[in-house]
């Protein structure tokens, strides 16, 4: 009986270890004004320094900690997969924030808005969807705002594009007070430098 009771604890501990191992170890450093390859898809030149955490098919960048500013890069999101990596669509789970090849830009915006809402934040609002040229690729960008339970209001933007029938995205967010006004121009400069591997 004791073995049966402790088995769930062993599984939880194993899952935690696998999650930590999947984060790619200690952060790297993004040096200012140097081209940086990200997730084998993107290349950007940041005007300021960022800490970078690598994981499978993506990276998380931050200056002051991910609660205060973050750039999330996600690459190669496949057809019928959740945009934030929460599994695949199935007969049991047909609905959710799943990317589907052939979606148009407003549909992808709606799926991404749903995925952000699923994170447990409140008052998620998106606006100003518009095309942006990244070399020969047509990408799309929209503004994102949401609130946390602790009262912080966040602002940012999300850029996405399709490459080889897979979705790729870059999501910037920071608190509206101090951090977003301080960091937004640097992020705009970084996004203007973005190039995409063919």
C-alpha atoms as a PDB file:
ATOM      1  CA  UNK A   1       0.000   0.000   0.000  1.00  0.00           C
ATOM      2  CA  UNK A   2       2.812   2.409   0.792  1.00  0.00           C
ATOM      3  CA  UNK A   3       4.330   1.872  -2.692  1.00  0.00           C
ATOM      4  CA  UNK A   4       1.009   2.753  -4.335  1.00  0.00           C
ATOM      5  CA  UNK A   5       0.660   5.944  -2.302  1.00  0.00           C
ATOM      6  CA  UNK A   6       4.157   7.226  -3.112  1.00  0.00           C
ATOM      7  CA  UNK A   7       4.106   6.381  -6.841  1.00  0.00           C
ATOM      8  CA  UNK A   8       2.334   9.645  -7.852  1.00  0.00           C
ATOM      9  CA  UNK A   9       5.034  11.599  -6.007  1.00  0.00           C
ATOM     10  CA  UNK A  10       7.714   9.780  -8.009  1.00  0.00           C
ATOM     11  CA  UNK A  11       5.935  10.650 -11.265  1.00  0.00           C
ATOM     12  CA  UNK A  12       5.595  14.308 -10.240  1.00  0.00           C
ATOM     13  CA  UNK A  13       9.302  14.481  -9.324  1.00  0.00           C
ATOM     14  CA  UNK A  14      10.267  12.841 -12.635  1.00  0.00           C
ATOM     15  CA  UNK A  15       8.076  15.240 -14.606  1.00  0.00           C
ATOM     16  CA  UNK A  16       9.655  18.214 -12.795  1.00  0.00           C
ATOM     17  CA  UNK A  17      13.170  16.951 -13.587  1.00  0.00           C
ATOM     18  CA  UNK A  18      12.293  16.474 -17.254  1.00  0.00           C
ATOM     19  CA  UNK A  19      10.827  19.980 -17.405  1.00  0.00           C
ATOM     20  CA  UNK A  20      13.966  21.504 -15.880  1.00  0.00           C
ATOM     21  CA  UNK A  21      16.195  19.501 -18.237  1.00  0.00           C
ATOM     22  CA  UNK A  22      14.132  20.711 -21.207  1.00  0.00           C
ATOM     23  CA  UNK A  23      14.811  24.377 -20.432  1.00  0.00           C
ATOM     24  CA  UNK A  24      18.328  24.145 -21.863  1.00  0.00           C
ATOM     25  CA  UNK A  25      20.353  25.020 -18.771  1.00  0.00           C
ATOM     26  CA  UNK A  26      21.596  28.424 -17.648  1.00  0.00           C
ATOM     27  CA  UNK A  27      20.810  31.480 -19.727  1.00  0.00           C
ATOM     28  CA  UNK A  28      22.988  32.663 -22.540  1.00  0.00           C
ATOM     29  CA  UNK A  29      23.591  36.297 -23.334  1.00  0.00           C
ATOM     30  CA  UNK A  30      22.486  38.299 -26.360  1.00  0.00           C
ATOM     31  CA  UNK A  31      25.090  40.958 -27.015  1.00  0.00           C
ATOM     32  CA  UNK A  32      24.025  44.371 -28.352  1.00  0.00           C
ATOM     33  CA  UNK A  33      24.361  45.086 -32.065  1.00  0.00           C
ATOM     34  CA  UNK A  34      25.484  41.559 -32.977  1.00  0.00           C
ATOM     35  CA  UNK A  35      23.369  39.351 -35.296  1.00  0.00           C
ATOM     36  CA  UNK A  36      21.891  36.489 -33.283  1.00  0.00           C
ATOM     37  CA  UNK A  37      20.388  33.287 -34.681  1.00  0.00           C
ATOM     38  CA  UNK A  38      17.258  32.132 -32.840  1.00  0.00           C
ATOM     39  CA  UNK A  39      15.644  28.673 -33.021  1.00  0.00           C
ATOM     40  CA  UNK A  40      17.267  27.945 -36.415  1.00  0.00           C
ATOM     41  CA  UNK A  41      14.614  30.139 -38.091  1.00  0.00           C
ATOM     42  CA  UNK A  42      15.113  33.760 -37.045  1.00  0.00           C
ATOM     43  CA  UNK A  43      18.065  36.114 -37.070  1.00  0.00           C
ATOM     44  CA  UNK A  44      17.854  39.422 -35.202  1.00  0.00           C
ATOM     45  CA  UNK A  45      20.140  42.208 -34.045  1.00  0.00           C
ATOM     46  CA  UNK A  46      19.199  43.547 -30.620  1.00  0.00           C
ATOM     47  CA  UNK A  47      20.232  47.101 -29.700  1.00  0.00           C
ATOM     48  CA  UNK A  48      20.496  46.122 -26.027  1.00  0.00           C
ATOM     49  CA  UNK A  49      21.538  43.128 -23.931  1.00  0.00           C
ATOM     50  CA  UNK A  50      19.135  40.249 -23.140  1.00  0.00           C
ATOM     51  CA  UNK A  51      19.409  36.985 -21.235  1.00  0.00           C
ATOM     52  CA  UNK A  52      18.274  34.067 -23.403  1.00  0.00           C
ATOM     53  CA  UNK A  53      16.833  30.709 -22.392  1.00  0.00           C
ATOM     54  CA  UNK A  54      16.739  28.091 -25.152  1.00  0.00           C
ATOM     55  CA  UNK A  55      14.305  25.223 -25.418  1.00  0.00           C
ATOM     56  CA  UNK A  56      13.089  22.900 -28.138  1.00  0.00           C
ATOM     57  CA  UNK A  57      11.849  24.987 -31.115  1.00  0.00           C
ATOM     58  CA  UNK A  58      12.034  28.264 -29.234  1.00  0.00           C
ATOM     59  CA  UNK A  59      13.694  30.759 -26.937  1.00  0.00           C
ATOM     60  CA  UNK A  60      12.677  33.108 -24.144  1.00  0.00           C
ATOM     61  CA  UNK A  61      14.575  36.398 -23.809  1.00  0.00           C
ATOM     62  CA  UNK A  62      14.369  38.815 -20.880  1.00  0.00           C
ATOM     63  CA  UNK A  63      16.215  41.839 -19.524  1.00  0.00           C
ATOM     64  CA  UNK A  64      14.911  42.139 -15.957  1.00  0.00           C
ATOM     65  CA  UNK A  65      13.085  38.803 -15.529  1.00  0.00           C
ATOM     66  CA  UNK A  66      10.222  37.296 -17.492  1.00  0.00           C
ATOM     67  CA  UNK A  67       7.557  38.969 -15.329  1.00  0.00           C
ATOM     68  CA  UNK A  68       8.941  42.387 -16.303  1.00  0.00           C
ATOM     69  CA  UNK A  69       9.815  41.956 -19.969  1.00  0.00           C
ATOM     70  CA  UNK A  70       9.939  38.987 -22.278  1.00  0.00           C
ATOM     71  CA  UNK A  71      10.383  38.086 -25.901  1.00  0.00           C
ATOM     72  CA  UNK A  72       9.078  34.622 -26.687  1.00  0.00           C
ATOM     73  CA  UNK A  73      10.169  33.012 -29.957  1.00  0.00           C
ATOM     74  CA  UNK A  74       8.302  29.873 -31.062  1.00  0.00           C
ATOM     75  CA  UNK A  75       9.199  28.067 -34.293  1.00  0.00           C
ATOM     76  CA  UNK A  76       7.754  25.285 -36.429  1.00  0.00           C
ATOM     77  CA  UNK A  77       4.294  24.948 -34.871  1.00  0.00           C
ATOM     78  CA  UNK A  78       2.748  22.145 -36.899  1.00  0.00           C
ATOM     79  CA  UNK A  79      -0.746  21.661 -38.279  1.00  0.00           C
ATOM     80  CA  UNK A  80      -3.289  20.750 -35.561  1.00  0.00           C
ATOM     81  CA  UNK A  81      -0.842  21.514 -32.718  1.00  0.00           C
ATOM     82  CA  UNK A  82      -1.497  23.955 -29.879  1.00  0.00           C
ATOM     83  CA  UNK A  83       0.275  27.256 -30.543  1.00  0.00           C
ATOM     84  CA  UNK A  84       1.916  27.232 -27.079  1.00  0.00           C
ATOM     85  CA  UNK A  85       2.831  23.543 -27.124  1.00  0.00           C
ATOM     86  CA  UNK A  86      -0.064  22.130 -25.099  1.00  0.00           C
ATOM     87  CA  UNK A  87      -0.548  19.054 -27.280  1.00  0.00           C
ATOM     88  CA  UNK A  88      -2.306  18.118 -30.473  1.00  0.00           C
ATOM     89  CA  UNK A  89      -5.939  18.328 -31.520  1.00  0.00           C
ATOM     90  CA  UNK A  90      -7.718  14.974 -31.308  1.00  0.00           C
ATOM     91  CA  UNK A  91     -11.203  13.473 -31.458  1.00  0.00           C
ATOM     92  CA  UNK A  92     -11.424  13.845 -27.684  1.00  0.00           C
ATOM     93  CA  UNK A  93     -10.056  17.388 -27.797  1.00  0.00           C
ATOM     94  CA  UNK A  94     -10.984  18.910 -31.157  1.00  0.00           C
ATOM     95  CA  UNK A  95     -11.311  22.497 -29.922  1.00  0.00           C
ATOM     96  CA  UNK A  96      -8.678  24.783 -28.504  1.00  0.00           C
ATOM     97  CA  UNK A  97      -5.911  27.114 -29.574  1.00  0.00           C
ATOM     98  CA  UNK A  98      -4.697  24.815 -32.339  1.00  0.00           C
ATOM     99  CA  UNK A  99      -2.959  26.071 -35.454  1.00  0.00           C
ATOM    100  CA  UNK A 100      -4.305  24.714 -38.722  1.00  0.00           C
ATOM    101  CA  UNK A 101      -2.507  25.065 -42.036  1.00  0.00           C
ATOM    102  CA  UNK A 102      -4.400  27.406 -44.352  1.00  0.00           C
ATOM    103  CA  UNK A 103      -5.799  29.707 -41.664  1.00  0.00           C
ATOM    104  CA  UNK A 104      -5.924  33.361 -42.654  1.00  0.00           C
ATOM    105  CA  UNK A 105      -4.353  36.112 -40.536  1.00  0.00           C
ATOM    106  CA  UNK A 106      -7.510  37.050 -38.558  1.00  0.00           C
ATOM    107  CA  UNK A 107      -8.095  33.367 -37.726  1.00  0.00           C
ATOM    108  CA  UNK A 108      -4.517  33.002 -36.476  1.00  0.00           C
ATOM    109  CA  UNK A 109      -4.915  36.185 -34.414  1.00  0.00           C
ATOM    110  CA  UNK A 110      -8.059  34.700 -32.823  1.00  0.00           C
ATOM    111  CA  UNK A 111      -6.278  31.412 -32.048  1.00  0.00           C
ATOM    112  CA  UNK A 112      -3.365  33.276 -30.460  1.00  0.00           C
ATOM    113  CA  UNK A 113      -5.765  35.434 -28.421  1.00  0.00           C
ATOM    114  CA  UNK A 114      -7.466  32.245 -27.177  1.00  0.00           C
ATOM    115  CA  UNK A 115      -4.077  30.733 -26.279  1.00  0.00           C
ATOM    116  CA  UNK A 116      -3.115  33.824 -24.261  1.00  0.00           C
ATOM    117  CA  UNK A 117      -6.475  33.696 -22.472  1.00  0.00           C
ATOM    118  CA  UNK A 118      -5.847  30.015 -21.646  1.00  0.00           C
ATOM    119  CA  UNK A 119      -2.729  31.112 -19.727  1.00  0.00           C
ATOM    120  CA  UNK A 120      -5.065  32.422 -17.029  1.00  0.00           C
ATOM    121  CA  UNK A 121      -4.677  36.144 -17.650  1.00  0.00           C
ATOM    122  CA  UNK A 122      -7.672  38.494 -17.747  1.00  0.00           C
ATOM    123  CA  UNK A 123      -9.078  41.048 -20.170  1.00  0.00           C
ATOM    124  CA  UNK A 124      -7.073  39.861 -23.179  1.00  0.00           C
ATOM    125  CA  UNK A 125      -7.432  42.334 -26.025  1.00  0.00           C
ATOM    126  CA  UNK A 126      -5.864  42.299 -29.469  1.00  0.00           C
ATOM    127  CA  UNK A 127      -5.984  45.067 -32.060  1.00  0.00           C
ATOM    128  CA  UNK A 128      -4.286  46.623 -35.071  1.00  0.00           C
ATOM    129  CA  UNK A 129      -3.618  43.455 -37.085  1.00  0.00           C
ATOM    130  CA  UNK A 130      -1.515  44.461 -40.090  1.00  0.00           C
ATOM    131  CA  UNK A 131       0.980  42.949 -42.540  1.00  0.00           C
ATOM    132  CA  UNK A 132       4.703  43.530 -42.133  1.00  0.00           C
ATOM    133  CA  UNK A 133       7.360  42.654 -44.690  1.00  0.00           C
ATOM    134  CA  UNK A 134      10.297  40.565 -43.461  1.00  0.00           C
ATOM    135  CA  UNK A 135      12.487  40.292 -46.525  1.00  0.00           C
ATOM    136  CA  UNK A 136      10.391  38.434 -49.090  1.00  0.00           C
ATOM    137  CA  UNK A 137       8.074  37.027 -46.399  1.00  0.00           C
ATOM    138  CA  UNK A 138       4.750  38.604 -45.503  1.00  0.00           C
ATOM    139  CA  UNK A 139       4.258  38.407 -41.761  1.00  0.00           C
ATOM    140  CA  UNK A 140       1.526  39.892 -39.583  1.00  0.00           C
ATOM    141  CA  UNK A 141       1.674  41.822 -36.334  1.00  0.00           C
ATOM    142  CA  UNK A 142      -0.949  42.839 -33.804  1.00  0.00           C
ATOM    143  CA  UNK A 143      -0.985  44.597 -30.440  1.00  0.00           C
ATOM    144  CA  UNK A 144      -1.769  42.620 -27.280  1.00  0.00           C
ATOM    145  CA  UNK A 145      -2.969  43.852 -23.880  1.00  0.00           C
ATOM    146  CA  UNK A 146      -3.923  41.808 -20.811  1.00  0.00           C
ATOM    147  CA  UNK A 147      -4.135  42.011 -17.017  1.00  0.00           C
ATOM    148  CA  UNK A 148      -2.761  39.796 -14.282  1.00  0.00           C
ATOM    149  CA  UNK A 149      -4.515  39.009 -11.014  1.00  0.00           C
ATOM    150  CA  UNK A 150      -1.961  41.104  -9.107  1.00  0.00           C
ATOM    151  CA  UNK A 151      -3.236  44.242 -10.879  1.00  0.00           C
ATOM    152  CA  UNK A 152      -0.439  44.620 -13.422  1.00  0.00           C
ATOM    153  CA  UNK A 153      -1.529  45.693 -16.900  1.00  0.00           C
ATOM    154  CA  UNK A 154       0.634  44.357 -19.752  1.00  0.00           C
ATOM    155  CA  UNK A 155       1.161  45.664 -23.265  1.00  0.00           C
ATOM    156  CA  UNK A 156       3.049  44.231 -26.203  1.00  0.00           C
ATOM    157  CA  UNK A 157       2.779  42.863 -29.699  1.00  0.00           C
ATOM    158  CA  UNK A 158       2.851  39.550 -31.475  1.00  0.00           C
ATOM    159  CA  UNK A 159       4.404  38.920 -34.891  1.00  0.00           C
ATOM    160  CA  UNK A 160       3.655  35.720 -36.799  1.00  0.00           C
ATOM    161  CA  UNK A 161       4.308  34.166 -40.183  1.00  0.00           C
ATOM    162  CA  UNK A 162       4.008  30.822 -41.908  1.00  0.00           C
ATOM    163  CA  UNK A 163       7.049  29.012 -43.289  1.00  0.00           C
ATOM    164  CA  UNK A 164       6.896  25.568 -44.909  1.00  0.00           C
ATOM    165  CA  UNK A 165       3.291  25.187 -43.691  1.00  0.00           C
ATOM    166  CA  UNK A 166       4.295  25.777 -40.076  1.00  0.00           C
ATOM    167  CA  UNK A 167       3.532  28.739 -37.822  1.00  0.00           C
ATOM    168  CA  UNK A 168       6.307  30.838 -36.269  1.00  0.00           C
ATOM    169  CA  UNK A 169       5.856  33.687 -33.820  1.00  0.00           C
ATOM    170  CA  UNK A 170       7.545  36.330 -31.680  1.00  0.00           C
ATOM    171  CA  UNK A 171       5.625  37.698 -28.682  1.00  0.00           C
ATOM    172  CA  UNK A 172       6.807  40.740 -26.720  1.00  0.00           C
ATOM    173  CA  UNK A 173       5.103  41.707 -23.459  1.00  0.00           C
ATOM    174  CA  UNK A 174       5.942  43.963 -20.513  1.00  0.00           C
ATOM    175  CA  UNK A 175       4.027  45.848 -17.797  1.00  0.00           C
ATOM    176  CA  UNK A 176       2.460  49.066 -19.110  1.00  0.00           C
ATOM    177  CA  UNK A 177       4.029  51.025 -16.264  1.00  0.00           C
ATOM    178  CA  UNK A 178       7.734  51.776 -16.819  1.00  0.00           C
ATOM    179  CA  UNK A 179       8.935  48.579 -18.576  1.00  0.00           C
ATOM    180  CA  UNK A 180       6.879  48.698 -21.780  1.00  0.00           C
ATOM    181  CA  UNK A 181       7.601  52.400 -22.426  1.00  0.00           C
ATOM    182  CA  UNK A 182      11.295  51.797 -21.730  1.00  0.00           C
ATOM    183  CA  UNK A 183      11.650  48.634 -23.859  1.00  0.00           C
ATOM    184  CA  UNK A 184       9.175  49.037 -26.744  1.00  0.00           C
ATOM    185  CA  UNK A 185      11.446  51.139 -28.989  1.00  0.00           C
ATOM    186  CA  UNK A 186      14.304  48.644 -28.562  1.00  0.00           C
ATOM    187  CA  UNK A 187      11.984  45.762 -29.447  1.00  0.00           C
ATOM    188  CA  UNK A 188      10.709  47.656 -32.503  1.00  0.00           C
ATOM    189  CA  UNK A 189      14.327  48.104 -33.604  1.00  0.00           C
ATOM    190  CA  UNK A 190      15.008  44.400 -33.016  1.00  0.00           C
ATOM    191  CA  UNK A 191      11.930  43.384 -35.016  1.00  0.00           C
ATOM    192  CA  UNK A 192      12.949  45.715 -37.860  1.00  0.00           C
ATOM    193  CA  UNK A 193      16.222  43.776 -38.101  1.00  0.00           C
ATOM    194  CA  UNK A 194      14.468  40.403 -38.279  1.00  0.00           C
ATOM    195  CA  UNK A 195      15.362  38.041 -41.104  1.00  0.00           C
ATOM    196  CA  UNK A 196      14.003  34.558 -41.743  1.00  0.00           C
ATOM    197  CA  UNK A 197      15.864  31.503 -42.917  1.00  0.00           C
ATOM    198  CA  UNK A 198      14.471  30.210 -46.208  1.00  0.00           C
END
